[in-house]
Amino acid sequence: MKADYKSLSLANQVYDIIESKILNGVYPPGEILSESRLSDEMGVSRTPVREALAKLVNEKLVTQTSSGTAVLGITAKDADDMYCVKSFLEPMVCRLAARNRSDEQLARMKDILDQQEFYTEKGNMEKVKDLDTDFHDVMYASSGSPTFESILSSVHHKLKKYRKESLNISDRSSRVMTEHMAIYEAIRDRDEELAEKLAVEHVKNAYANITKGSK
């Protein structure tokens, strides 16, 4: 029996929308997501909604309860755990990126940083957050390790609500820009030790900032 690729594609689109709303806090923890409501909101049948919710259950972002499908979201404890993962893996990945990056990846990182600087000056934090994701994704890919790239990209993506809140605190966005530029330069110069050291500080500063913001 052939798969209905059109249905699968629609289910993926519905998944992306629901996931984004969960990670951005639009659907807060505890909220019940009914198939009929989501179907009406998105103008689709219940089938792709059902498939999307099943995938979100597997991702531990929602859970089935007696009242329906409830949002779990990313809790403060989840964020703590994810930053623990980042603190171990991201410095190693930056060291590998300094060793393995291509010229094309380096150019892409610089282009992202130029855009990040522009939108930071404009105060467009939504765009800055997206560019922050892009920078990290290219940095992870530059390591040459698909395993580390997959793990860290997933973790970084799921922290988007916390990262957005962090970027809105004081001068964090400009300091992120400075930290990213220093990491980029170390990767550019193939200075593995410095890239690793800077990544340690970058993750530490990011975690300290979200902790400050949650108080």
C-alpha atoms as a PDB file:
ATOM      1  CA  MET A   1       0.000   0.000   0.000  1.00  0.00           C
ATOM      2  CA  LYS A   2       1.477   3.341  -1.058  1.00  0.00           C
ATOM      3  CA  ALA A   3       1.778   6.152   1.460  1.00  0.00           C
ATOM      4  CA  ASP A   4      -0.356   9.252   0.950  1.00  0.00           C
ATOM      5  CA  TYR A   5       2.524  11.699   0.527  1.00  0.00           C
ATOM      6  CA  LYS A   6       0.201  14.697   0.242  1.00  0.00           C
ATOM      7  CA  SER A   7      -1.327  13.801   3.616  1.00  0.00           C
ATOM      8  CA  LEU A   8       2.113  13.239   5.140  1.00  0.00           C
ATOM      9  CA  SER A   9       3.290  16.623   3.872  1.00  0.00           C
ATOM     10  CA  LEU A  10       0.211  18.346   5.325  1.00  0.00           C
ATOM     11  CA  ALA A  11       0.679  16.540   8.641  1.00  0.00           C
ATOM     12  CA  ASN A  12       4.277  17.805   8.764  1.00  0.00           C
ATOM     13  CA  GLN A  13       3.092  21.363   8.131  1.00  0.00           C
ATOM     14  CA  VAL A  14       0.490  21.053  10.894  1.00  0.00           C
ATOM     15  CA  TYR A  15       3.157  19.588  13.188  1.00  0.00           C
ATOM     16  CA  ASP A  16       5.485  22.538  12.521  1.00  0.00           C
ATOM     17  CA  ILE A  17       2.731  25.035  13.350  1.00  0.00           C
ATOM     18  CA  ILE A  18       1.652  23.327  16.577  1.00  0.00           C
ATOM     19  CA  GLU A  19       5.237  22.703  17.670  1.00  0.00           C
ATOM     20  CA  SER A  20       6.138  26.356  17.098  1.00  0.00           C
ATOM     21  CA  LYS A  21       3.167  27.529  19.168  1.00  0.00           C
ATOM     22  CA  ILE A  22       4.097  25.151  21.986  1.00  0.00           C
ATOM     23  CA  LEU A  23       7.767  26.160  22.004  1.00  0.00           C
ATOM     24  CA  ASN A  24       6.875  29.862  21.853  1.00  0.00           C
ATOM     25  CA  GLY A  25       4.392  29.528  24.721  1.00  0.00           C
ATOM     26  CA  VAL A  26       1.276  30.283  22.660  1.00  0.00           C
ATOM     27  CA  TYR A  27      -0.054  26.910  23.794  1.00  0.00           C
ATOM     28  CA  PRO A  28       1.062  26.859  27.463  1.00  0.00           C
ATOM     29  CA  PRO A  29       1.683  23.728  29.548  1.00  0.00           C
ATOM     30  CA  GLY A  30      -1.577  22.128  30.633  1.00  0.00           C
ATOM     31  CA  GLU A  31      -3.660  23.445  27.742  1.00  0.00           C
ATOM     32  CA  ILE A  32      -5.863  20.817  26.089  1.00  0.00           C
ATOM     33  CA  LEU A  33      -5.506  20.616  22.307  1.00  0.00           C
ATOM     34  CA  SER A  34      -8.582  19.065  20.717  1.00  0.00           C
ATOM     35  CA  GLU A  35      -8.451  17.699  17.191  1.00  0.00           C
ATOM     36  CA  SER A  36     -11.643  19.551  16.235  1.00  0.00           C
ATOM     37  CA  ARG A  37     -10.362  22.903  17.499  1.00  0.00           C
ATOM     38  CA  LEU A  38      -6.986  22.564  15.765  1.00  0.00           C
ATOM     39  CA  SER A  39      -8.702  21.357  12.607  1.00  0.00           C
ATOM     40  CA  ASP A  40     -10.915  24.468  12.570  1.00  0.00           C
ATOM     41  CA  GLU A  41      -8.024  26.823  13.394  1.00  0.00           C
ATOM     42  CA  MET A  42      -5.878  25.516  10.539  1.00  0.00           C
ATOM     43  CA  GLY A  43      -8.587  24.767   8.010  1.00  0.00           C
ATOM     44  CA  VAL A  44      -7.584  21.138   7.577  1.00  0.00           C
ATOM     45  CA  SER A  45      -9.208  17.775   8.240  1.00  0.00           C
ATOM     46  CA  ARG A  46      -8.631  15.917  11.484  1.00  0.00           C
ATOM     47  CA  THR A  47      -6.359  13.310   9.870  1.00  0.00           C
ATOM     48  CA  PRO A  48      -3.208  15.494   9.558  1.00  0.00           C
ATOM     49  CA  VAL A  49      -3.948  16.979  12.999  1.00  0.00           C
ATOM     50  CA  ARG A  50      -4.137  13.491  14.505  1.00  0.00           C
ATOM     51  CA  GLU A  51      -0.853  12.511  12.823  1.00  0.00           C
ATOM     52  CA  ALA A  52       0.831  15.711  14.014  1.00  0.00           C
ATOM     53  CA  LEU A  53      -0.334  15.178  17.599  1.00  0.00           C
ATOM     54  CA  ALA A  54       0.949  11.596  17.542  1.00  0.00           C
ATOM     55  CA  LYS A  55       4.376  12.900  16.520  1.00  0.00           C
ATOM     56  CA  LEU A  56       4.267  15.515  19.275  1.00  0.00           C
ATOM     57  CA  VAL A  57       3.495  12.769  21.801  1.00  0.00           C
ATOM     58  CA  ASN A  58       6.663  10.981  20.650  1.00  0.00           C
ATOM     59  CA  GLU A  59       8.594  14.238  21.044  1.00  0.00           C
ATOM     60  CA  LYS A  60       7.279  14.525  24.632  1.00  0.00           C
ATOM     61  CA  LEU A  61       5.792  17.953  23.886  1.00  0.00           C
ATOM     62  CA  VAL A  62       2.212  16.770  24.513  1.00  0.00           C
ATOM     63  CA  THR A  63       0.693  13.833  26.372  1.00  0.00           C
ATOM     64  CA  GLN A  64      -2.562  11.921  26.253  1.00  0.00           C
ATOM     65  CA  THR A  65      -4.737  12.391  29.356  1.00  0.00           C
ATOM     66  CA  SER A  66      -8.295  11.481  30.297  1.00  0.00           C
ATOM     67  CA  SER A  67      -9.268  15.043  29.327  1.00  0.00           C
ATOM     68  CA  GLY A  68      -7.558  14.913  25.937  1.00  0.00           C
ATOM     69  CA  THR A  69      -4.180  15.853  24.496  1.00  0.00           C
ATOM     70  CA  ALA A  70      -2.437  18.143  26.989  1.00  0.00           C
ATOM     71  CA  VAL A  71       0.551  20.384  26.326  1.00  0.00           C
ATOM     72  CA  LEU A  72       3.717  19.520  28.234  1.00  0.00           C
ATOM     73  CA  GLY A  73       5.927  22.118  26.580  1.00  0.00           C
ATOM     74  CA  ILE A  74       9.457  22.796  27.782  1.00  0.00           C
ATOM     75  CA  THR A  75       9.626  23.221  31.543  1.00  0.00           C
ATOM     76  CA  ALA A  76      12.340  25.012  33.501  1.00  0.00           C
ATOM     77  CA  LYS A  77      13.698  21.577  34.452  1.00  0.00           C
ATOM     78  CA  ASP A  78      13.779  20.605  30.761  1.00  0.00           C
ATOM     79  CA  ALA A  79      15.684  23.810  29.996  1.00  0.00           C
ATOM     80  CA  ASP A  80      18.181  23.033  32.770  1.00  0.00           C
ATOM     81  CA  ASP A  81      18.760  19.575  31.314  1.00  0.00           C
ATOM     82  CA  MET A  82      19.152  20.931  27.787  1.00  0.00           C
ATOM     83  CA  TYR A  83      21.701  23.523  28.850  1.00  0.00           C
ATOM     84  CA  CYS A  84      23.576  20.737  30.607  1.00  0.00           C
ATOM     85  CA  VAL A  85      23.712  18.888  27.266  1.00  0.00           C
ATOM     86  CA  LYS A  86      24.865  22.063  25.517  1.00  0.00           C
ATOM     87  CA  SER A  87      27.566  22.686  28.127  1.00  0.00           C
ATOM     88  CA  PHE A  88      29.094  19.276  27.422  1.00  0.00           C
ATOM     89  CA  LEU A  89      28.671  19.052  23.644  1.00  0.00           C
ATOM     90  CA  GLU A  90      28.799  22.584  22.256  1.00  0.00           C
ATOM     91  CA  PRO A  91      32.435  23.304  23.229  1.00  0.00           C
ATOM     92  CA  MET A  92      33.490  20.013  21.634  1.00  0.00           C
ATOM     93  CA  VAL A  93      31.520  20.836  18.498  1.00  0.00           C
ATOM     94  CA  CYS A  94      33.150  24.273  18.251  1.00  0.00           C
ATOM     95  CA  ARG A  95      36.576  22.626  18.519  1.00  0.00           C
ATOM     96  CA  LEU A  96      35.598  20.260  15.690  1.00  0.00           C
ATOM     97  CA  ALA A  97      34.210  23.152  13.648  1.00  0.00           C
ATOM     98  CA  ALA A  98      37.570  24.933  13.872  1.00  0.00           C
ATOM     99  CA  ARG A  99      39.162  21.772  12.545  1.00  0.00           C
ATOM    100  CA  ASN A 100      36.653  20.715   9.887  1.00  0.00           C
ATOM    101  CA  ARG A 101      34.729  23.775   8.657  1.00  0.00           C
ATOM    102  CA  SER A 102      34.617  24.503   4.939  1.00  0.00           C
ATOM    103  CA  ASP A 103      35.121  27.904   3.343  1.00  0.00           C
ATOM    104  CA  GLU A 104      31.448  27.873   2.329  1.00  0.00           C
ATOM    105  CA  GLN A 105      30.326  27.266   5.903  1.00  0.00           C
ATOM    106  CA  LEU A 106      32.632  29.991   7.158  1.00  0.00           C
ATOM    107  CA  ALA A 107      31.192  32.447   4.627  1.00  0.00           C
ATOM    108  CA  ARG A 108      27.658  31.492   5.652  1.00  0.00           C
ATOM    109  CA  MET A 109      28.461  32.128   9.326  1.00  0.00           C
ATOM    110  CA  LYS A 110      29.864  35.563   8.490  1.00  0.00           C
ATOM    111  CA  ASP A 111      26.799  36.429   6.422  1.00  0.00           C
ATOM    112  CA  ILE A 112      24.527  35.444   9.315  1.00  0.00           C
ATOM    113  CA  LEU A 113      26.591  37.545  11.741  1.00  0.00           C
ATOM    114  CA  ASP A 114      26.319  40.587   9.454  1.00  0.00           C
ATOM    115  CA  GLN A 115      22.537  40.178   9.398  1.00  0.00           C
ATOM    116  CA  GLN A 116      22.450  39.588  13.149  1.00  0.00           C
ATOM    117  CA  GLU A 117      24.323  42.834  13.743  1.00  0.00           C
ATOM    118  CA  PHE A 118      21.904  44.734  11.483  1.00  0.00           C
ATOM    119  CA  TYR A 119      18.748  43.414  13.161  1.00  0.00           C
ATOM    120  CA  THR A 120      20.222  43.799  16.649  1.00  0.00           C
ATOM    121  CA  GLU A 121      20.733  47.494  15.941  1.00  0.00           C
ATOM    122  CA  LYS A 122      17.149  47.677  14.635  1.00  0.00           C
ATOM    123  CA  GLY A 123      15.860  45.977  17.781  1.00  0.00           C
ATOM    124  CA  ASN A 124      14.120  43.216  15.813  1.00  0.00           C
ATOM    125  CA  MET A 125      14.493  40.436  18.375  1.00  0.00           C
ATOM    126  CA  GLU A 126      12.318  37.959  16.465  1.00  0.00           C
ATOM    127  CA  LYS A 127      14.698  38.135  13.500  1.00  0.00           C
ATOM    128  CA  VAL A 128      17.736  38.073  15.800  1.00  0.00           C
ATOM    129  CA  LYS A 129      16.402  34.886  17.421  1.00  0.00           C
ATOM    130  CA  ASP A 130      15.976  33.238  14.007  1.00  0.00           C
ATOM    131  CA  LEU A 131      19.497  34.255  12.982  1.00  0.00           C
ATOM    132  CA  ASP A 132      20.830  32.929  16.290  1.00  0.00           C
ATOM    133  CA  THR A 133      19.334  29.557  15.332  1.00  0.00           C
ATOM    134  CA  ASP A 134      20.849  29.783  11.839  1.00  0.00           C
ATOM    135  CA  PHE A 135      24.308  30.583  13.219  1.00  0.00           C
ATOM    136  CA  HIS A 136      24.266  27.650  15.602  1.00  0.00           C
ATOM    137  CA  ASP A 137      22.944  25.284  12.937  1.00  0.00           C
ATOM    138  CA  VAL A 138      25.806  26.167  10.567  1.00  0.00           C
ATOM    139  CA  MET A 139      28.310  25.956  13.405  1.00  0.00           C
ATOM    140  CA  TYR A 140      27.031  22.498  14.360  1.00  0.00           C
ATOM    141  CA  ALA A 141      27.134  21.343  10.729  1.00  0.00           C
ATOM    142  CA  SER A 142      30.706  22.637  10.440  1.00  0.00           C
ATOM    143  CA  SER A 143      31.812  20.102  13.041  1.00  0.00           C
ATOM    144  CA  GLY A 144      31.523  17.330  10.470  1.00  0.00           C
ATOM    145  CA  SER A 145      29.580  15.201  12.965  1.00  0.00           C
ATOM    146  CA  PRO A 146      25.964  14.519  11.911  1.00  0.00           C
ATOM    147  CA  THR A 147      25.303  12.978  15.334  1.00  0.00           C
ATOM    148  CA  PHE A 148      26.373  16.046  17.317  1.00  0.00           C
ATOM    149  CA  GLU A 149      24.674  18.308  14.772  1.00  0.00           C
ATOM    150  CA  SER A 150      21.351  16.482  15.142  1.00  0.00           C
ATOM    151  CA  ILE A 151      21.427  16.473  18.946  1.00  0.00           C
ATOM    152  CA  LEU A 152      22.433  20.106  19.383  1.00  0.00           C
ATOM    153  CA  SER A 153      20.167  21.495  16.651  1.00  0.00           C
ATOM    154  CA  SER A 154      17.202  19.775  18.289  1.00  0.00           C
ATOM    155  CA  VAL A 155      18.121  21.064  21.750  1.00  0.00           C
ATOM    156  CA  HIS A 156      18.762  24.617  20.536  1.00  0.00           C
ATOM    157  CA  HIS A 157      15.464  24.626  18.619  1.00  0.00           C
ATOM    158  CA  LYS A 158      13.455  23.497  21.644  1.00  0.00           C
ATOM    159  CA  LEU A 159      14.929  26.298  23.752  1.00  0.00           C
ATOM    160  CA  LYS A 160      13.559  29.024  21.456  1.00  0.00           C
ATOM    161  CA  LYS A 161      11.132  30.495  24.050  1.00  0.00           C
ATOM    162  CA  TYR A 162      13.908  30.771  26.636  1.00  0.00           C
ATOM    163  CA  ARG A 163      16.347  32.187  24.088  1.00  0.00           C
ATOM    164  CA  LYS A 164      13.828  34.803  22.968  1.00  0.00           C
ATOM    165  CA  GLU A 165      13.200  35.888  26.560  1.00  0.00           C
ATOM    166  CA  SER A 166      16.953  35.985  27.171  1.00  0.00           C
ATOM    167  CA  LEU A 167      17.592  38.183  24.135  1.00  0.00           C
ATOM    168  CA  ASN A 168      15.053  40.693  25.437  1.00  0.00           C
ATOM    169  CA  ILE A 169      16.943  41.114  28.707  1.00  0.00           C
ATOM    170  CA  SER A 170      19.158  44.191  29.048  1.00  0.00           C
ATOM    171  CA  ASP A 171      22.022  44.162  26.513  1.00  0.00           C
ATOM    172  CA  ARG A 172      22.132  40.372  26.053  1.00  0.00           C
ATOM    173  CA  SER A 173      21.504  40.569  22.284  1.00  0.00           C
ATOM    174  CA  SER A 174      24.580  42.752  21.717  1.00  0.00           C
ATOM    175  CA  ARG A 175      26.673  40.518  23.977  1.00  0.00           C
ATOM    176  CA  VAL A 176      25.498  37.447  22.038  1.00  0.00           C
ATOM    177  CA  MET A 177      26.647  39.203  18.883  1.00  0.00           C
ATOM    178  CA  THR A 178      30.092  39.810  20.417  1.00  0.00           C
ATOM    179  CA  GLU A 179      30.353  36.204  21.633  1.00  0.00           C
ATOM    180  CA  HIS A 180      29.292  34.813  18.254  1.00  0.00           C
ATOM    181  CA  MET A 181      31.856  36.975  16.457  1.00  0.00           C
ATOM    182  CA  ALA A 182      34.645  35.771  18.750  1.00  0.00           C
ATOM    183  CA  ILE A 183      33.661  32.129  18.175  1.00  0.00           C
ATOM    184  CA  TYR A 184      33.482  32.742  14.424  1.00  0.00           C
ATOM    185  CA  GLU A 185      36.983  34.258  14.404  1.00  0.00           C
ATOM    186  CA  ALA A 186      38.409  31.303  16.334  1.00  0.00           C
ATOM    187  CA  ILE A 187      36.777  28.882  13.889  1.00  0.00           C
ATOM    188  CA  ARG A 188      38.027  30.988  10.976  1.00  0.00           C
ATOM    189  CA  ASP A 189      41.575  30.876  12.348  1.00  0.00           C
ATOM    190  CA  ARG A 190      41.275  27.137  13.070  1.00  0.00           C
ATOM    191  CA  ASP A 191      42.119  27.820  16.707  1.00  0.00           C
ATOM    192  CA  GLU A 192      40.513  24.730  18.232  1.00  0.00           C
ATOM    193  CA  GLU A 193      41.449  25.458  21.834  1.00  0.00           C
ATOM    194  CA  LEU A 194      40.129  29.026  21.739  1.00  0.00           C
ATOM    195  CA  ALA A 195      36.922  28.009  19.949  1.00  0.00           C
ATOM    196  CA  GLU A 196      36.240  25.438  22.660  1.00  0.00           C
ATOM    197  CA  LYS A 197      37.016  27.898  25.467  1.00  0.00           C
ATOM    198  CA  LEU A 198      34.764  30.596  23.981  1.00  0.00           C
ATOM    199  CA  ALA A 199      31.918  28.113  23.571  1.00  0.00           C
ATOM    200  CA  VAL A 200      32.168  27.172  27.252  1.00  0.00           C
ATOM    201  CA  GLU A 201      31.732  30.836  28.187  1.00  0.00           C
ATOM    202  CA  HIS A 202      28.952  31.353  25.628  1.00  0.00           C
ATOM    203  CA  VAL A 203      26.817  28.514  27.006  1.00  0.00           C
ATOM    204  CA  LYS A 204      27.550  29.574  30.590  1.00  0.00           C
ATOM    205  CA  ASN A 205      26.477  33.161  29.851  1.00  0.00           C
ATOM    206  CA  ALA A 206      23.337  32.033  28.030  1.00  0.00           C
ATOM    207  CA  TYR A 207      22.285  29.818  30.923  1.00  0.00           C
ATOM    208  CA  ALA A 208      23.021  32.525  33.495  1.00  0.00           C
ATOM    209  CA  ASN A 209      20.867  34.926  31.524  1.00  0.00           C
ATOM    210  CA  ILE A 210      17.815  32.664  31.233  1.00  0.00           C
ATOM    211  CA  THR A 211      18.144  31.854  34.933  1.00  0.00           C
ATOM    212  CA  LYS A 212      18.181  35.577  35.693  1.00  0.00           C
ATOM    213  CA  GLY A 213      15.179  36.114  33.432  1.00  0.00           C
ATOM    214  CA  SER A 214      13.112  33.427  35.131  1.00  0.00           C
ATOM    215  CA  LYS A 215      13.454  34.978  38.573  1.00  0.00           C
END
